[in-house]
C-alpha atoms as a PDB file:
ATOM      1  CA  MET A   1     142.419 118.892  51.905  1.00  0.00           C
ATOM      2  CA  LEU A   2     144.714 117.087  49.465  1.00  0.00           C
ATOM      3  CA  ALA A   3     145.413 118.542  46.364  1.00  0.00           C
ATOM      4  CA  GLY A   4     143.293 117.323  43.530  1.00  0.00           C
ATOM      5  CA  MET A   5     140.429 116.086  45.671  1.00  0.00           C
ATOM      6  CA  ARG A   6     136.609 117.078  45.406  1.00  0.00           C
ATOM      7  CA  THR A   7     135.456 119.758  47.521  1.00  0.00           C
ATOM      8  CA  GLY A   8     132.180 119.333  49.141  1.00  0.00           C
ATOM      9  CA  ARG A   9     129.919 121.333  46.930  1.00  0.00           C
ATOM     10  CA  ASP A  10     131.653 119.025  43.913  1.00  0.00           C
ATOM     11  CA  GLN A  11     130.566 116.030  45.532  1.00  0.00           C
ATOM     12  CA  TYR A  12     127.505 117.163  45.722  1.00  0.00           C
ATOM     13  CA  SER A  13     126.946 118.533  42.237  1.00  0.00           C
ATOM     14  CA  ALA A  14     128.450 115.205  40.968  1.00  0.00           C
ATOM     15  CA  ILE A  15     125.285 113.284  42.978  1.00  0.00           C
ATOM     16  CA  TYR A  16     122.974 115.236  42.062  1.00  0.00           C
ATOM     17  CA  SER A  17     123.873 115.226  38.165  1.00  0.00           C
ATOM     18  CA  ALA A  18     123.855 111.260  38.258  1.00  0.00           C
ATOM     19  CA  GLN A  19     121.047 110.418  40.937  1.00  0.00           C
ATOM     20  CA  LEU A  20     118.556 113.304  41.655  1.00  0.00           C
ATOM     21  CA  GLU A  21     115.804 111.296  42.507  1.00  0.00           C
ATOM     22  CA  ALA A  22     117.356 108.720  44.774  1.00  0.00           C
ATOM     23  CA  GLU A  23     119.598 111.392  46.568  1.00  0.00           C
ATOM     24  CA  ALA A  24     116.223 112.928  47.399  1.00  0.00           C
ATOM     25  CA  ASN A  25     114.793 110.250  48.700  1.00  0.00           C
ATOM     26  CA  TRP A  26     117.498 109.490  50.777  1.00  0.00           C
ATOM     27  CA  LEU A  27     117.585 113.053  52.285  1.00  0.00           C
ATOM     28  CA  ALA A  28     113.901 112.789  52.993  1.00  0.00           C
ATOM     29  CA  VAL A  29     114.501 109.809  55.172  1.00  0.00           C
ATOM     30  CA  GLY A  30     117.386 112.099  57.446  1.00  0.00           C
ATOM     31  CA  ALA A  31     114.929 114.723  57.265  1.00  0.00           C
ATOM     32  CA  VAL A  32     112.967 113.416  60.246  1.00  0.00           C
ATOM     33  CA  GLU A  33     114.822 112.924  62.761  1.00  0.00           C
ATOM     34  CA  LYS A  34     116.784 116.406  61.742  1.00  0.00           C
ATOM     35  CA  ALA A  35     113.300 118.278  61.811  1.00  0.00           C
ATOM     36  CA  ASN A  36     112.708 116.681  65.418  1.00  0.00           C
ATOM     37  CA  SER A  37     115.656 118.659  66.657  1.00  0.00           C
ATOM     38  CA  ILE A  38     114.555 121.716  65.078  1.00  0.00           C
ATOM     39  CA  GLU A  39     110.862 121.814  66.562  1.00  0.00           C
ATOM     40  CA  ARG A  40     112.414 120.703  70.098  1.00  0.00           C
ATOM     41  CA  LEU A  41     114.960 123.306  70.427  1.00  0.00           C
ATOM     42  CA  VAL A  42     112.562 126.248  69.074  1.00  0.00           C
ATOM     43  CA  LEU A  43     109.258 125.216  69.876  1.00  0.00           C
ATOM     44  CA  PRO A  44     109.640 126.080  73.650  1.00  0.00           C
ATOM     45  CA  ARG A  45     110.768 129.638  72.818  1.00  0.00           C
ATOM     46  CA  VAL A  46     108.352 130.306  69.141  1.00  0.00           C
ATOM     47  CA  SER A  47     105.519 128.227  69.576  1.00  0.00           C
ATOM     48  CA  HIS A  48     104.725 128.927  65.660  1.00  0.00           C
ATOM     49  CA  PRO A  49     107.513 130.912  63.856  1.00  0.00           C
ATOM     50  CA  LYS A  50     105.865 132.996  61.014  1.00  0.00           C
ATOM     51  CA  ARG A  51     109.106 132.480  58.957  1.00  0.00           C
ATOM     52  CA  ILE A  52     111.630 130.247  58.345  1.00  0.00           C
ATOM     53  CA  VAL A  53     114.829 130.067  55.804  1.00  0.00           C
ATOM     54  CA  GLU A  54     116.770 126.687  55.362  1.00  0.00           C
ATOM     55  CA  LEU A  55     120.512 127.636  53.744  1.00  0.00           C
ATOM     56  CA  GLY A  56     121.809 124.665  52.161  1.00  0.00           C
ATOM     57  CA  ALA A  57     118.304 122.609  51.823  1.00  0.00           C
ATOM     58  CA  GLY A  58     119.409 120.490  49.676  1.00  0.00           C
ATOM     59  CA  THR A  59     116.475 118.517  47.508  1.00  0.00           C
ATOM     60  CA  GLY A  60     114.417 120.250  50.397  1.00  0.00           C
ATOM     61  CA  GLY A  61     113.578 117.024  52.512  1.00  0.00           C
ATOM     62  CA  ILE A  62     113.734 118.928  55.902  1.00  0.00           C
ATOM     63  CA  ILE A  63     111.376 122.049  54.509  1.00  0.00           C
ATOM     64  CA  ALA A  64     108.795 119.303  53.127  1.00  0.00           C
ATOM     65  CA  GLU A  65     109.010 117.728  56.598  1.00  0.00           C
ATOM     66  CA  LEU A  66     108.133 120.817  58.699  1.00  0.00           C
ATOM     67  CA  GLN A  67     105.701 122.025  56.064  1.00  0.00           C
ATOM     68  CA  ARG A  68     103.991 118.401  57.022  1.00  0.00           C
ATOM     69  CA  ARG A  69     103.979 119.366  60.433  1.00  0.00           C
ATOM     70  CA  ASN A  70     102.878 122.940  60.025  1.00  0.00           C
ATOM     71  CA  PHE A  71     105.724 124.201  61.772  1.00  0.00           C
ATOM     72  CA  ALA A  72     105.613 127.666  60.231  1.00  0.00           C
ATOM     73  CA  ASP A  73     103.471 130.520  58.115  1.00  0.00           C
ATOM     74  CA  ALA A  74     106.219 130.710  55.426  1.00  0.00           C
ATOM     75  CA  TYR A  75     109.325 128.904  53.786  1.00  0.00           C
ATOM     76  CA  VAL A  76     112.323 130.086  52.336  1.00  0.00           C
ATOM     77  CA  ALA A  77     114.638 127.087  50.756  1.00  0.00           C
ATOM     78  CA  VAL A  78     118.324 128.146  49.692  1.00  0.00           C
ATOM     79  CA  ASP A  79     120.787 126.331  47.785  1.00  0.00           C
ATOM     80  CA  TYR A  80     123.526 126.629  45.157  1.00  0.00           C
ATOM     81  CA  SER A  81     122.716 123.483  42.761  1.00  0.00           C
ATOM     82  CA  THR A  82     120.551 124.212  40.046  1.00  0.00           C
ATOM     83  CA  ASP A  83     119.779 120.636  40.088  1.00  0.00           C
ATOM     84  CA  ALA A  84     118.570 120.827  43.702  1.00  0.00           C
ATOM     85  CA  THR A  85     116.622 124.330  43.259  1.00  0.00           C
ATOM     86  CA  GLU A  86     114.761 123.053  40.229  1.00  0.00           C
ATOM     87  CA  TYR A  87     114.012 120.197  42.121  1.00  0.00           C
ATOM     88  CA  MET A  88     112.531 121.705  44.844  1.00  0.00           C
ATOM     89  CA  LYS A  89     110.379 123.896  42.262  1.00  0.00           C
ATOM     90  CA  ARG A  90     108.846 121.181  40.940  1.00  0.00           C
ATOM     91  CA  ASN A  91     108.291 119.190  44.122  1.00  0.00           C
ATOM     92  CA  LEU A  92     107.442 121.391  47.221  1.00  0.00           C
ATOM     93  CA  THR A  93     104.214 123.788  47.183  1.00  0.00           C
ATOM     94  CA  ASN A  94     104.166 127.106  48.756  1.00  0.00           C
ATOM     95  CA  VAL A  95     107.974 127.598  49.237  1.00  0.00           C
ATOM     96  CA  GLU A  96     109.972 130.226  47.940  1.00  0.00           C
ATOM     97  CA  VAL A  97     112.984 128.525  46.279  1.00  0.00           C
ATOM     98  CA  LEU A  98     116.365 130.594  45.348  1.00  0.00           C
ATOM     99  CA  ARG A  99     119.605 129.498  44.102  1.00  0.00           C
ATOM    100  CA  ALA A 100     122.408 131.026  45.540  1.00  0.00           C
ATOM    101  CA  ASP A 101     125.696 130.779  46.709  1.00  0.00           C
ATOM    102  CA  ILE A 102     125.244 131.211  50.846  1.00  0.00           C
ATOM    103  CA  VAL A 103     128.587 132.892  51.069  1.00  0.00           C
ATOM    104  CA  GLU A 104     129.007 134.527  47.909  1.00  0.00           C
ATOM    105  CA  GLU A 105     125.539 135.620  47.041  1.00  0.00           C
ATOM    106  CA  PRO A 106     124.185 136.436  50.470  1.00  0.00           C
ATOM    107  CA  ILE A 107     120.647 136.264  51.139  1.00  0.00           C
ATOM    108  CA  CYS A 108     118.948 138.965  52.831  1.00  0.00           C
ATOM    109  CA  GLY A 109     115.913 139.385  55.185  1.00  0.00           C
ATOM    110  CA  ALA A 110     114.034 138.783  58.251  1.00  0.00           C
ATOM    111  CA  PHE A 111     113.253 135.508  59.756  1.00  0.00           C
ATOM    112  CA  ASP A 112     111.846 133.865  62.950  1.00  0.00           C
ATOM    113  CA  VAL A 113     114.536 130.835  62.492  1.00  0.00           C
ATOM    114  CA  VAL A 114     117.641 130.220  60.521  1.00  0.00           C
ATOM    115  CA  VAL A 115     118.157 126.443  59.796  1.00  0.00           C
ATOM    116  CA  VAL A 116     121.803 125.557  58.713  1.00  0.00           C
ATOM    117  CA  SER A 117     121.473 121.480  58.893  1.00  0.00           C
ATOM    118  CA  HIS A 118     124.569 119.252  57.864  1.00  0.00           C
ATOM    119  CA  VAL A 119     126.132 121.900  55.862  1.00  0.00           C
ATOM    120  CA  LEU A 120     128.812 123.042  57.859  1.00  0.00           C
ATOM    121  CA  GLU A 121     131.147 119.628  57.541  1.00  0.00           C
ATOM    122  CA  HIS A 122     130.972 120.281  53.591  1.00  0.00           C
ATOM    123  CA  LEU A 123     132.375 123.691  53.481  1.00  0.00           C
ATOM    124  CA  GLU A 124     136.033 124.941  53.263  1.00  0.00           C
ATOM    125  CA  SER A 125     135.363 127.969  55.544  1.00  0.00           C
ATOM    126  CA  PRO A 126     132.478 127.674  57.991  1.00  0.00           C
ATOM    127  CA  ASP A 127     133.910 130.646  59.611  1.00  0.00           C
ATOM    128  CA  ASN A 128     133.651 133.084  56.401  1.00  0.00           C
ATOM    129  CA  PHE A 129     130.087 131.456  56.270  1.00  0.00           C
ATOM    130  CA  LEU A 130     128.715 132.092  59.984  1.00  0.00           C
ATOM    131  CA  ALA A 131     130.115 135.630  59.178  1.00  0.00           C
ATOM    132  CA  ALA A 132     128.033 136.119  56.133  1.00  0.00           C
ATOM    133  CA  LEU A 133     124.949 134.790  58.133  1.00  0.00           C
ATOM    134  CA  VAL A 134     125.158 137.012  61.206  1.00  0.00           C
ATOM    135  CA  ARG A 135     125.971 139.885  59.013  1.00  0.00           C
ATOM    136  CA  ASN A 136     123.338 139.410  56.271  1.00  0.00           C
ATOM    137  CA  LEU A 137     120.355 138.010  57.844  1.00  0.00           C
ATOM    138  CA  ASP A 138     118.054 139.336  60.642  1.00  0.00           C
ATOM    139  CA  PHE A 139     116.696 136.174  62.914  1.00  0.00           C
ATOM    140  CA  ARG A 140     115.862 135.371  66.110  1.00  0.00           C
ATOM    141  CA  PHE A 141     117.363 131.740  66.099  1.00  0.00           C
ATOM    142  CA  ALA A 142     119.199 129.759  64.070  1.00  0.00           C
ATOM    143  CA  VAL A 143     119.192 125.667  64.432  1.00  0.00           C
ATOM    144  CA  ILE A 144     122.854 124.591  63.192  1.00  0.00           C
ATOM    145  CA  GLU A 145     123.433 120.716  63.275  1.00  0.00           C
ATOM    146  CA  CYS A 146     126.392 118.678  61.956  1.00  0.00           C
ATOM    147  CA  PRO A 147     127.033 115.196  62.682  1.00  0.00           C
ATOM    148  CA  LEU A 148     130.084 114.159  65.159  1.00  0.00           C
ATOM    149  CA  GLU A 149     132.616 112.519  63.460  1.00  0.00           C
ATOM    150  CA  ASP A 150     135.777 113.258  65.566  1.00  0.00           C
ATOM    151  CA  LEU A 151     135.262 110.816  68.339  1.00  0.00           C
ATOM    152  CA  THR A 152     137.642 108.232  69.705  1.00  0.00           C
ATOM    153  CA  ALA A 153     136.480 105.040  67.696  1.00  0.00           C
ATOM    154  CA  SER A 154     136.237 107.510  64.410  1.00  0.00           C
ATOM    155  CA  ARG A 155     139.874 108.596  65.272  1.00  0.00           C
ATOM    156  CA  LEU A 156     140.920 104.875  65.501  1.00  0.00           C
ATOM    157  CA  LYS A 157     139.509 104.029  62.342  1.00  0.00           C
ATOM    158  CA  ASN A 158     141.402 106.844  60.354  1.00  0.00           C
ATOM    159  CA  LEU A 159     144.452 105.605  61.323  1.00  0.00           C
ATOM    160  CA  PHE A 160     143.976 103.243  58.736  1.00  0.00           C
ATOM    161  CA  ARG A 161     142.241 105.298  55.987  1.00  0.00           C
ATOM    162  CA  ASN A 162     142.389 109.092  54.510  1.00  0.00           C
ATOM    163  CA  ARG A 163     138.957 110.504  56.416  1.00  0.00           C
ATOM    164  CA  ASP A 164     138.846 113.120  53.499  1.00  0.00           C
ATOM    165  CA  GLU A 165     138.177 110.444  50.696  1.00  0.00           C
ATOM    166  CA  ASN A 166     134.516 110.100  51.920  1.00  0.00           C
ATOM    167  CA  ARG A 167     131.672 109.495  49.694  1.00  0.00           C
ATOM    168  CA  ALA A 168     129.453 112.349  51.928  1.00  0.00           C
ATOM    169  CA  GLY A 169     132.378 114.962  50.560  1.00  0.00           C
ATOM    170  CA  HIS A 170     132.793 116.231  54.277  1.00  0.00           C
ATOM    171  CA  VAL A 171     135.599 118.622  54.659  1.00  0.00           C
ATOM    172  CA  GLN A 172     134.997 119.461  58.232  1.00  0.00           C
ATOM    173  CA  PHE A 173     135.322 116.768  60.837  1.00  0.00           C
ATOM    174  CA  PHE A 174     133.435 117.806  64.626  1.00  0.00           C
ATOM    175  CA  ASN A 175     133.124 116.857  68.023  1.00  0.00           C
ATOM    176  CA  ARG A 176     131.251 118.521  70.583  1.00  0.00           C
ATOM    177  CA  ARG A 177     133.643 120.913  71.567  1.00  0.00           C
ATOM    178  CA  SER A 178     135.276 121.916  68.101  1.00  0.00           C
ATOM    179  CA  LEU A 179     131.358 122.517  66.607  1.00  0.00           C
ATOM    180  CA  SER A 180     130.628 124.525  69.646  1.00  0.00           C
ATOM    181  CA  ALA A 181     134.112 126.560  69.330  1.00  0.00           C
ATOM    182  CA  VAL A 182     133.256 127.623  65.961  1.00  0.00           C
ATOM    183  CA  LEU A 183     130.057 128.877  66.766  1.00  0.00           C
ATOM    184  CA  ARG A 184     130.991 130.420  70.017  1.00  0.00           C
ATOM    185  CA  ARG A 185     133.213 133.339  67.863  1.00  0.00           C
ATOM    186  CA  HIS A 186     129.680 134.249  65.980  1.00  0.00           C
ATOM    187  CA  LEU A 187     126.965 133.103  67.406  1.00  0.00           C
ATOM    188  CA  LYS A 188     125.602 132.954  71.082  1.00  0.00           C
ATOM    189  CA  ILE A 189     124.308 129.218  72.012  1.00  0.00           C
ATOM    190  CA  VAL A 190     121.074 128.829  73.695  1.00  0.00           C
ATOM    191  CA  ASP A 191     120.621 124.984  73.593  1.00  0.00           C
ATOM    192  CA  SER A 192     121.359 121.796  72.260  1.00  0.00           C
ATOM    193  CA  ARG A 193     120.864 118.472  71.353  1.00  0.00           C
ATOM    194  CA  HIS A 194     122.829 115.594  71.074  1.00  0.00           C
ATOM    195  CA  TYR A 195     121.407 112.597  69.420  1.00  0.00           C
ATOM    196  CA  CYS A 196     122.259 109.225  67.622  1.00  0.00           C
ATOM    197  CA  SER A 197     120.037 108.049  64.373  1.00  0.00           C
ATOM    198  CA  TRP A 198     120.015 104.537  63.197  1.00  0.00           C
ATOM    199  CA  ALA A 199     117.881 103.631  59.891  1.00  0.00           C
ATOM    200  CA  SER A 200     115.453 100.074  59.571  1.00  0.00           C
ATOM    201  CA  SER A 201     116.685  97.609  57.305  1.00  0.00           C
ATOM    202  CA  GLU A 202     114.274  99.259  54.130  1.00  0.00           C
ATOM    203  CA  THR A 203     116.510 101.985  54.605  1.00  0.00           C
ATOM    204  CA  VAL A 204     119.626  99.812  54.371  1.00  0.00           C
ATOM    205  CA  ARG A 205     118.870  98.686  51.593  1.00  0.00           C
ATOM    206  CA  PHE A 206     117.888 101.810  49.926  1.00  0.00           C
ATOM    207  CA  LEU A 207     121.266 103.351  50.473  1.00  0.00           C
ATOM    208  CA  ALA A 208     123.353 100.229  49.328  1.00  0.00           C
ATOM    209  CA  ASN A 209     121.515 100.000  46.224  1.00  0.00           C
ATOM    210  CA  LYS A 210     122.091 103.570  45.829  1.00  0.00           C
ATOM    211  CA  ASP A 211     125.635 103.011  46.216  1.00  0.00           C
ATOM    212  CA  ALA A 212     125.884 100.153  44.568  1.00  0.00           C
ATOM    213  CA  LEU A 213     127.645  98.398  47.637  1.00  0.00           C
ATOM    214  CA  PRO A 214     129.071  95.141  47.290  1.00  0.00           C
ATOM    215  CA  LEU A 215     127.306  92.768  49.639  1.00  0.00           C
ATOM    216  CA  HIS A 216     130.062  92.693  52.295  1.00  0.00           C
ATOM    217  CA  LYS A 217     129.696  96.510  52.991  1.00  0.00           C
ATOM    218  CA  GLN A 218     125.939  96.013  52.992  1.00  0.00           C
ATOM    219  CA  TRP A 219     126.500  94.104  56.051  1.00  0.00           C
ATOM    220  CA  ILE A 220     128.833  96.452  57.324  1.00  0.00           C
ATOM    221  CA  LYS A 221     126.238  99.341  56.814  1.00  0.00           C
ATOM    222  CA  HIS A 222     123.384  97.291  58.568  1.00  0.00           C
ATOM    223  CA  LEU A 223     125.337  97.069  61.293  1.00  0.00           C
ATOM    224  CA  THR A 224     127.055 100.940  61.936  1.00  0.00           C
ATOM    225  CA  LEU A 225     123.606 102.586  60.278  1.00  0.00           C
ATOM    226  CA  GLY A 226     120.841 100.175  61.909  1.00  0.00           C
ATOM    227  CA  VAL A 227     121.802  97.438  64.663  1.00  0.00           C
ATOM    228  CA  LEU A 228     125.068  98.883  66.729  1.00  0.00           C
ATOM    229  CA  PRO A 229     123.047 102.743  66.886  1.00  0.00           C
ATOM    230  CA  ARG A 230     119.907 101.594  68.227  1.00  0.00           C
ATOM    231  CA  VAL A 231     121.096  99.067  71.142  1.00  0.00           C
ATOM    232  CA  GLY A 232     123.805 101.290  71.879  1.00  0.00           C
ATOM    233  CA  ALA A 233     122.932 104.635  71.406  1.00  0.00           C
ATOM    234  CA  PRO A 234     124.519 106.204  74.682  1.00  0.00           C
ATOM    235  CA  LEU A 235     127.908 104.658  73.534  1.00  0.00           C
ATOM    236  CA  TRP A 236     127.590 105.084  69.694  1.00  0.00           C
ATOM    237  CA  LYS A 237     127.271 109.004  69.796  1.00  0.00           C
ATOM    238  CA  ARG A 238     130.016 109.238  72.258  1.00  0.00           C
ATOM    239  CA  TYR A 239     132.878 107.368  70.531  1.00  0.00           C
ATOM    240  CA  TRP A 240     131.633 106.513  67.181  1.00  0.00           C
ATOM    241  CA  ILE A 241     129.449 109.008  65.511  1.00  0.00           C
ATOM    242  CA  GLY A 242     126.105 111.280  66.667  1.00  0.00           C
ATOM    243  CA  ASN A 243     124.521 114.469  65.966  1.00  0.00           C
ATOM    244  CA  TYR A 244     124.800 117.558  67.538  1.00  0.00           C
ATOM    245  CA  ALA A 245     121.907 120.398  66.710  1.00  0.00           C
ATOM    246  CA  LEU A 246     122.157 123.655  68.764  1.00  0.00           C
ATOM    247  CA  LEU A 247     120.258 126.876  69.057  1.00  0.00           C
ATOM    248  CA  CYS A 248     121.978 129.882  68.372  1.00  0.00           C
ATOM    249  CA  GLN A 249     121.064 133.301  68.821  1.00  0.00           C
ATOM    250  CA  LYS A 250     123.266 136.700  67.306  1.00  0.00           C
END
């Protein structure tokens, strides 16, 4: 990471401070496919989990979506951000919300499912986090999902830009092999889902307004978030960007 660059945590702290409601709405849009990953990987093995915890829950979009589907009996949501946890306390019901650093202030307890969705790419040391996860939590399954950004087309694009300077605050960049290698140092991989998500025109307009994008970047977003992933999903997720969810056990 470049000297003086914001960490993934700093990036999200700034986003939550400046536009909490808009960010929560954006995360809620992405929560649908992330919840799909959790359902498809977990439910064939645990038909109705009793207790689930999400680490790095943000504003609670995934927990809210899982509640809507009656996925589990009890829910715990953990995030380091006071802004995010206060938002969850105001907007979620029947969810235990905890503010804690998921590495420095480990959460203990027993859960059927641990969810870590789009978190590892924001951490300076995923290994430290995963070691703390295994050490401190008793769980049957963990669902860990990350974006895949270290792919062929993305590598070519990064020849002309510094990929560390990204709006999302990502400091790790994975492909399927590198993400699996990180997880296998701490966990056993049981199953996986590799998918390509795409956004509706309405969602792209919302994102463009949220990030105050100029017109030419709005068209680029329309192509790269909406049109191309939808019409060319198999190639898009293989060469440009995809999402990879893995079901793990200790």
